[in-house]
Amino acid sequence: MKTVFTTGEAAKICKVSQQTIIRCFDSGQLKGFRVPGSRFRRIPRDQLFNFMRENGIPTDALESGKRKVLIVDDDQDLVELMVDAFERDGRFEIKTANNGFDAGMLVKEFHPDIVVLDIMLPDINGKEVCQRVRGDRTMEDVKILCISGMVEQDKVSDLKDAGANDFIQKPFSVEALLDRACSMLDLESVTSM
């Protein structure tokens, strides 16, 4: 379990901007320390917890210590396989959506660390979902991993231009998907654990 957080990590946990955390730190509302020889601020877990409680910010994100994954795909069997893989790993809190509308709502309220996004959804295409997420400044830290079975190479670069961080071609093994998600989140991959 993580014991010290950067201002960016604290912002994500509190669901506020990094600037807000920096202002609270600099004003003394949020206790922490500066990294010796640099201007970087660090916040110990207990100080962040106290700050969240004092300000009425739900502490569940801090308490679970898990990374949040939103899986968006209309293929229910595949969703179940992916959910199962992330659950077995044990380091993830998982939510799912089977259309773009629900995905949009969940991205806002759940604020996932990563979205595993099928680009062929019944109501909206993945490129548009990427653009909407990237169009929201509060979501700039959310990683987007697109998946599809029907994409030519030039479309992959369109997706990345729209804000996707990475792409995996279907069919894929759930282990490969989990490894890719872990590397995008700077977590040790399952195969090397």
C-alpha atoms as a PDB file:
ATOM      1  CA  MET A   1       0.000   0.000   0.000  1.00  0.00           C
ATOM      2  CA  LYS A   2       1.285   3.434  -0.982  1.00  0.00           C
ATOM      3  CA  THR A   3       2.374   5.582   1.982  1.00  0.00           C
ATOM      4  CA  VAL A   4       3.460   8.841   0.301  1.00  0.00           C
ATOM      5  CA  PHE A   5       1.730  10.630  -2.580  1.00  0.00           C
ATOM      6  CA  THR A   6       2.680  13.252  -5.154  1.00  0.00           C
ATOM      7  CA  THR A   7       0.391  16.272  -5.550  1.00  0.00           C
ATOM      8  CA  GLY A   8      -0.926  14.718  -8.790  1.00  0.00           C
ATOM      9  CA  GLU A   9      -1.785  11.442  -7.073  1.00  0.00           C
ATOM     10  CA  ALA A  10      -3.411  13.280  -4.163  1.00  0.00           C
ATOM     11  CA  ALA A  11      -5.450  15.354  -6.634  1.00  0.00           C
ATOM     12  CA  LYS A  12      -6.695  12.209  -8.363  1.00  0.00           C
ATOM     13  CA  ILE A  13      -7.651  10.568  -5.054  1.00  0.00           C
ATOM     14  CA  CYS A  14      -9.477  13.718  -3.879  1.00  0.00           C
ATOM     15  CA  LYS A  15     -11.009  14.301  -7.339  1.00  0.00           C
ATOM     16  CA  VAL A  16      -9.759  17.897  -7.458  1.00  0.00           C
ATOM     17  CA  SER A  17      -7.198  19.659  -9.629  1.00  0.00           C
ATOM     18  CA  GLN A  18      -3.497  19.383  -8.882  1.00  0.00           C
ATOM     19  CA  GLN A  19      -3.442  23.188  -8.441  1.00  0.00           C
ATOM     20  CA  THR A  20      -5.998  22.881  -5.626  1.00  0.00           C
ATOM     21  CA  ILE A  21      -3.784  20.362  -3.811  1.00  0.00           C
ATOM     22  CA  ILE A  22      -0.707  22.580  -4.305  1.00  0.00           C
ATOM     23  CA  ARG A  23      -2.598  25.623  -2.929  1.00  0.00           C
ATOM     24  CA  CYS A  24      -3.784  23.634   0.109  1.00  0.00           C
ATOM     25  CA  PHE A  25      -0.235  22.326   0.669  1.00  0.00           C
ATOM     26  CA  ASP A  26       1.356  25.782   0.331  1.00  0.00           C
ATOM     27  CA  SER A  27      -1.216  27.364   2.679  1.00  0.00           C
ATOM     28  CA  GLY A  28      -0.631  24.683   5.325  1.00  0.00           C
ATOM     29  CA  GLN A  29      -4.120  23.122   5.089  1.00  0.00           C
ATOM     30  CA  LEU A  30      -2.563  19.926   3.756  1.00  0.00           C
ATOM     31  CA  LYS A  31       0.549  18.770   5.604  1.00  0.00           C
ATOM     32  CA  GLY A  32       3.487  17.136   3.911  1.00  0.00           C
ATOM     33  CA  PHE A  33       7.113  17.744   3.007  1.00  0.00           C
ATOM     34  CA  ARG A  34       9.238  18.900   0.106  1.00  0.00           C
ATOM     35  CA  VAL A  35      11.695  16.515  -1.528  1.00  0.00           C
ATOM     36  CA  PRO A  36      15.147  17.719  -0.396  1.00  0.00           C
ATOM     37  CA  GLY A  37      16.901  19.714  -3.103  1.00  0.00           C
ATOM     38  CA  SER A  38      13.769  20.147  -5.224  1.00  0.00           C
ATOM     39  CA  ARG A  39      10.473  21.999  -5.300  1.00  0.00           C
ATOM     40  CA  PHE A  40       8.433  18.759  -5.326  1.00  0.00           C
ATOM     41  CA  ARG A  41       5.849  18.257  -2.608  1.00  0.00           C
ATOM     42  CA  ARG A  42       4.998  14.899  -1.021  1.00  0.00           C
ATOM     43  CA  ILE A  43       2.005  14.045   1.144  1.00  0.00           C
ATOM     44  CA  PRO A  44       2.062  11.161   3.656  1.00  0.00           C
ATOM     45  CA  ARG A  45      -1.019   8.878   3.607  1.00  0.00           C
ATOM     46  CA  ASP A  46      -2.147   9.795   7.137  1.00  0.00           C
ATOM     47  CA  GLN A  47      -1.964  13.530   6.367  1.00  0.00           C
ATOM     48  CA  LEU A  48      -3.953  13.054   3.157  1.00  0.00           C
ATOM     49  CA  PHE A  49      -6.526  10.969   5.034  1.00  0.00           C
ATOM     50  CA  ASN A  50      -6.933  13.689   7.714  1.00  0.00           C
ATOM     51  CA  PHE A  51      -7.226  16.398   5.054  1.00  0.00           C
ATOM     52  CA  MET A  52      -9.909  14.410   3.209  1.00  0.00           C
ATOM     53  CA  ARG A  53     -11.905  13.783   6.402  1.00  0.00           C
ATOM     54  CA  GLU A  54     -11.657  17.435   7.523  1.00  0.00           C
ATOM     55  CA  ASN A  55     -12.927  18.621   4.137  1.00  0.00           C
ATOM     56  CA  GLY A  56     -15.723  16.079   3.732  1.00  0.00           C
ATOM     57  CA  ILE A  57     -13.999  14.297   0.812  1.00  0.00           C
ATOM     58  CA  PRO A  58     -14.946  10.584   0.629  1.00  0.00           C
ATOM     59  CA  THR A  59     -11.928   8.526   1.703  1.00  0.00           C
ATOM     60  CA  ASP A  60     -12.887   5.280  -0.058  1.00  0.00           C
ATOM     61  CA  ALA A  61     -10.402   5.840  -2.923  1.00  0.00           C
ATOM     62  CA  LEU A  62      -7.584   6.230  -0.426  1.00  0.00           C
ATOM     63  CA  GLU A  63      -8.675   3.312   1.721  1.00  0.00           C
ATOM     64  CA  SER A  64      -8.925   0.759  -1.068  1.00  0.00           C
ATOM     65  CA  GLY A  65      -5.511   1.617  -2.504  1.00  0.00           C
ATOM     66  CA  LYS A  66      -6.713  -0.043  -5.712  1.00  0.00           C
ATOM     67  CA  ARG A  67      -6.398   1.326  -9.233  1.00  0.00           C
ATOM     68  CA  LYS A  68      -9.709   1.982 -10.968  1.00  0.00           C
ATOM     69  CA  VAL A  69     -10.555   0.350 -14.300  1.00  0.00           C
ATOM     70  CA  LEU A  70     -13.557   1.120 -16.465  1.00  0.00           C
ATOM     71  CA  ILE A  71     -14.231  -1.583 -19.071  1.00  0.00           C
ATOM     72  CA  VAL A  72     -16.413  -0.421 -21.965  1.00  0.00           C
ATOM     73  CA  ASP A  73     -17.568  -3.087 -24.430  1.00  0.00           C
ATOM     74  CA  ASP A  74     -20.932  -4.339 -25.674  1.00  0.00           C
ATOM     75  CA  ASP A  75     -19.726  -7.972 -25.860  1.00  0.00           C
ATOM     76  CA  GLN A  76     -20.865  -9.252 -22.444  1.00  0.00           C
ATOM     77  CA  ASP A  77     -18.814 -12.476 -22.640  1.00  0.00           C
ATOM     78  CA  LEU A  78     -15.618 -10.524 -23.306  1.00  0.00           C
ATOM     79  CA  VAL A  79     -16.459  -8.052 -20.521  1.00  0.00           C
ATOM     80  CA  GLU A  80     -16.801 -10.966 -18.079  1.00  0.00           C
ATOM     81  CA  LEU A  81     -13.424 -12.373 -19.158  1.00  0.00           C
ATOM     82  CA  MET A  82     -11.727  -8.990 -18.712  1.00  0.00           C
ATOM     83  CA  VAL A  83     -13.410  -8.334 -15.346  1.00  0.00           C
ATOM     84  CA  ASP A  84     -12.330 -11.792 -14.179  1.00  0.00           C
ATOM     85  CA  ALA A  85      -8.684 -11.111 -15.173  1.00  0.00           C
ATOM     86  CA  PHE A  86      -8.577  -7.751 -13.371  1.00  0.00           C
ATOM     87  CA  GLU A  87     -10.313  -9.227 -10.288  1.00  0.00           C
ATOM     88  CA  ARG A  88      -7.859 -12.136 -10.094  1.00  0.00           C
ATOM     89  CA  ASP A  89      -4.989  -9.622 -10.170  1.00  0.00           C
ATOM     90  CA  GLY A  90      -6.447  -8.064  -6.998  1.00  0.00           C
ATOM     91  CA  ARG A  91      -5.071  -4.538  -7.499  1.00  0.00           C
ATOM     92  CA  PHE A  92      -8.094  -3.125  -9.308  1.00  0.00           C
ATOM     93  CA  GLU A  93     -11.531  -1.740  -8.593  1.00  0.00           C
ATOM     94  CA  ILE A  94     -13.649  -2.433 -11.700  1.00  0.00           C
ATOM     95  CA  LYS A  95     -16.741  -0.901 -13.240  1.00  0.00           C
ATOM     96  CA  THR A  96     -18.232  -1.749 -16.638  1.00  0.00           C
ATOM     97  CA  ALA A  97     -20.381  -0.085 -19.276  1.00  0.00           C
ATOM     98  CA  ASN A  98     -21.781  -1.539 -22.502  1.00  0.00           C
ATOM     99  CA  ASN A  99     -22.380   1.723 -24.395  1.00  0.00           C
ATOM    100  CA  GLY A 100     -20.832   5.140 -24.842  1.00  0.00           C
ATOM    101  CA  PHE A 101     -23.502   7.017 -22.896  1.00  0.00           C
ATOM    102  CA  ASP A 102     -22.998   4.937 -19.716  1.00  0.00           C
ATOM    103  CA  ALA A 103     -19.226   5.111 -20.230  1.00  0.00           C
ATOM    104  CA  GLY A 104     -19.393   8.912 -20.325  1.00  0.00           C
ATOM    105  CA  MET A 105     -21.373   9.021 -17.080  1.00  0.00           C
ATOM    106  CA  LEU A 106     -19.047   6.541 -15.341  1.00  0.00           C
ATOM    107  CA  VAL A 107     -15.848   8.281 -16.449  1.00  0.00           C
ATOM    108  CA  LYS A 108     -17.142  11.416 -14.705  1.00  0.00           C
ATOM    109  CA  GLU A 109     -18.343   9.832 -11.469  1.00  0.00           C
ATOM    110  CA  PHE A 110     -15.850   6.925 -11.092  1.00  0.00           C
ATOM    111  CA  HIS A 111     -12.776   8.800 -12.447  1.00  0.00           C
ATOM    112  CA  PRO A 112     -10.924   5.642 -13.508  1.00  0.00           C
ATOM    113  CA  ASP A 113      -7.149   5.387 -13.770  1.00  0.00           C
ATOM    114  CA  ILE A 114      -7.638   3.537 -17.053  1.00  0.00           C
ATOM    115  CA  VAL A 115     -10.475   2.960 -19.521  1.00  0.00           C
ATOM    116  CA  VAL A 116     -10.411  -0.223 -21.608  1.00  0.00           C
ATOM    117  CA  LEU A 117     -12.510   0.957 -24.538  1.00  0.00           C
ATOM    118  CA  ASP A 118     -14.000  -1.045 -27.402  1.00  0.00           C
ATOM    119  CA  ILE A 119     -14.093   1.385 -30.302  1.00  0.00           C
ATOM    120  CA  MET A 120     -17.166  -0.196 -31.923  1.00  0.00           C
ATOM    121  CA  LEU A 121     -19.996   0.624 -29.502  1.00  0.00           C
ATOM    122  CA  PRO A 122     -23.690   0.552 -30.429  1.00  0.00           C
ATOM    123  CA  ASP A 123     -24.318   4.265 -29.796  1.00  0.00           C
ATOM    124  CA  ILE A 124     -20.995   6.075 -30.318  1.00  0.00           C
ATOM    125  CA  ASN A 125     -17.560   5.293 -31.687  1.00  0.00           C
ATOM    126  CA  GLY A 126     -14.481   5.027 -29.525  1.00  0.00           C
ATOM    127  CA  LYS A 127     -12.761   7.947 -31.222  1.00  0.00           C
ATOM    128  CA  GLU A 128     -15.548  10.241 -30.054  1.00  0.00           C
ATOM    129  CA  VAL A 129     -15.331   8.843 -26.499  1.00  0.00           C
ATOM    130  CA  CYS A 130     -11.561   9.561 -26.529  1.00  0.00           C
ATOM    131  CA  GLN A 131     -12.186  13.133 -27.717  1.00  0.00           C
ATOM    132  CA  ARG A 132     -14.799  13.746 -25.015  1.00  0.00           C
ATOM    133  CA  VAL A 133     -12.552  12.414 -22.252  1.00  0.00           C
ATOM    134  CA  ARG A 134      -9.601  14.457 -23.531  1.00  0.00           C
ATOM    135  CA  GLY A 135     -11.835  17.525 -23.850  1.00  0.00           C
ATOM    136  CA  ASP A 136     -12.372  17.513 -20.080  1.00  0.00           C
ATOM    137  CA  ARG A 137      -9.408  19.006 -18.198  1.00  0.00           C
ATOM    138  CA  THR A 138     -10.254  17.024 -15.041  1.00  0.00           C
ATOM    139  CA  MET A 139      -9.780  13.781 -17.012  1.00  0.00           C
ATOM    140  CA  GLU A 140      -6.350  14.427 -18.506  1.00  0.00           C
ATOM    141  CA  ASP A 141      -4.733  11.819 -16.224  1.00  0.00           C
ATOM    142  CA  VAL A 142      -7.110   9.035 -17.346  1.00  0.00           C
ATOM    143  CA  LYS A 143      -5.356   6.457 -19.561  1.00  0.00           C
ATOM    144  CA  ILE A 144      -7.319   5.061 -22.521  1.00  0.00           C
ATOM    145  CA  LEU A 145      -6.558   1.604 -23.923  1.00  0.00           C
ATOM    146  CA  CYS A 146      -8.606   0.977 -27.074  1.00  0.00           C
ATOM    147  CA  ILE A 147      -9.516  -2.514 -28.239  1.00  0.00           C
ATOM    148  CA  SER A 148     -11.039  -3.637 -31.538  1.00  0.00           C
ATOM    149  CA  GLY A 149     -11.053  -6.425 -34.048  1.00  0.00           C
ATOM    150  CA  MET A 150     -11.814  -4.274 -37.071  1.00  0.00           C
ATOM    151  CA  VAL A 151      -9.245  -1.526 -37.327  1.00  0.00           C
ATOM    152  CA  GLU A 152      -6.704  -0.745 -40.019  1.00  0.00           C
ATOM    153  CA  GLN A 153      -3.333   0.691 -38.982  1.00  0.00           C
ATOM    154  CA  ASP A 154      -4.193   4.241 -40.154  1.00  0.00           C
ATOM    155  CA  LYS A 155      -7.273   4.217 -37.898  1.00  0.00           C
ATOM    156  CA  VAL A 156      -5.048   3.395 -34.910  1.00  0.00           C
ATOM    157  CA  SER A 157      -3.137   6.644 -35.421  1.00  0.00           C
ATOM    158  CA  ASP A 158      -6.497   8.488 -35.678  1.00  0.00           C
ATOM    159  CA  LEU A 159      -7.438   7.013 -32.292  1.00  0.00           C
ATOM    160  CA  LYS A 160      -4.137   8.097 -30.767  1.00  0.00           C
ATOM    161  CA  ASP A 161      -4.622  11.583 -32.229  1.00  0.00           C
ATOM    162  CA  ALA A 162      -8.069  11.613 -30.566  1.00  0.00           C
ATOM    163  CA  GLY A 163      -6.475  10.854 -27.198  1.00  0.00           C
ATOM    164  CA  ALA A 164      -6.074   7.080 -26.900  1.00  0.00           C
ATOM    165  CA  ASN A 165      -2.852   6.078 -25.136  1.00  0.00           C
ATOM    166  CA  ASP A 166      -2.597   2.602 -26.643  1.00  0.00           C
ATOM    167  CA  PHE A 167      -4.375   0.011 -28.805  1.00  0.00           C
ATOM    168  CA  ILE A 168      -4.739  -3.786 -28.744  1.00  0.00           C
ATOM    169  CA  GLN A 169      -6.116  -5.783 -31.668  1.00  0.00           C
ATOM    170  CA  LYS A 170      -8.830  -8.380 -30.942  1.00  0.00           C
ATOM    171  CA  PRO A 171      -8.578 -11.271 -30.376  1.00  0.00           C
ATOM    172  CA  PHE A 172      -6.099 -10.904 -27.508  1.00  0.00           C
ATOM    173  CA  SER A 173      -5.351 -12.888 -24.376  1.00  0.00           C
ATOM    174  CA  VAL A 174      -6.678 -11.306 -21.196  1.00  0.00           C
ATOM    175  CA  GLU A 175      -3.166 -11.715 -19.749  1.00  0.00           C
ATOM    176  CA  ALA A 176      -1.750  -9.557 -22.576  1.00  0.00           C
ATOM    177  CA  LEU A 177      -4.456  -6.958 -21.917  1.00  0.00           C
ATOM    178  CA  LEU A 178      -3.701  -6.963 -18.180  1.00  0.00           C
ATOM    179  CA  ASP A 179       0.041  -6.653 -18.838  1.00  0.00           C
ATOM    180  CA  ARG A 180      -0.544  -3.690 -21.150  1.00  0.00           C
ATOM    181  CA  ALA A 181      -2.841  -2.000 -18.597  1.00  0.00           C
ATOM    182  CA  CYS A 182      -0.268  -2.557 -15.829  1.00  0.00           C
ATOM    183  CA  SER A 183       2.532  -1.071 -17.892  1.00  0.00           C
ATOM    184  CA  MET A 184       0.364   1.969 -18.749  1.00  0.00           C
ATOM    185  CA  LEU A 185      -0.261   2.483 -15.014  1.00  0.00           C
ATOM    186  CA  ASP A 186       3.387   1.863 -14.059  1.00  0.00           C
ATOM    187  CA  LEU A 187       2.427  -1.269 -12.126  1.00  0.00           C
ATOM    188  CA  GLU A 188       4.501  -4.417 -12.098  1.00  0.00           C
ATOM    189  CA  SER A 189       3.037  -6.770 -14.676  1.00  0.00           C
ATOM    190  CA  VAL A 190       1.365  -9.984 -13.593  1.00  0.00           C
ATOM    191  CA  THR A 191       3.799 -12.167 -15.497  1.00  0.00           C
ATOM    192  CA  SER A 192       6.792 -10.663 -13.653  1.00  0.00           C
ATOM    193  CA  MET A 193       5.216 -10.904 -10.180  1.00  0.00           C
END
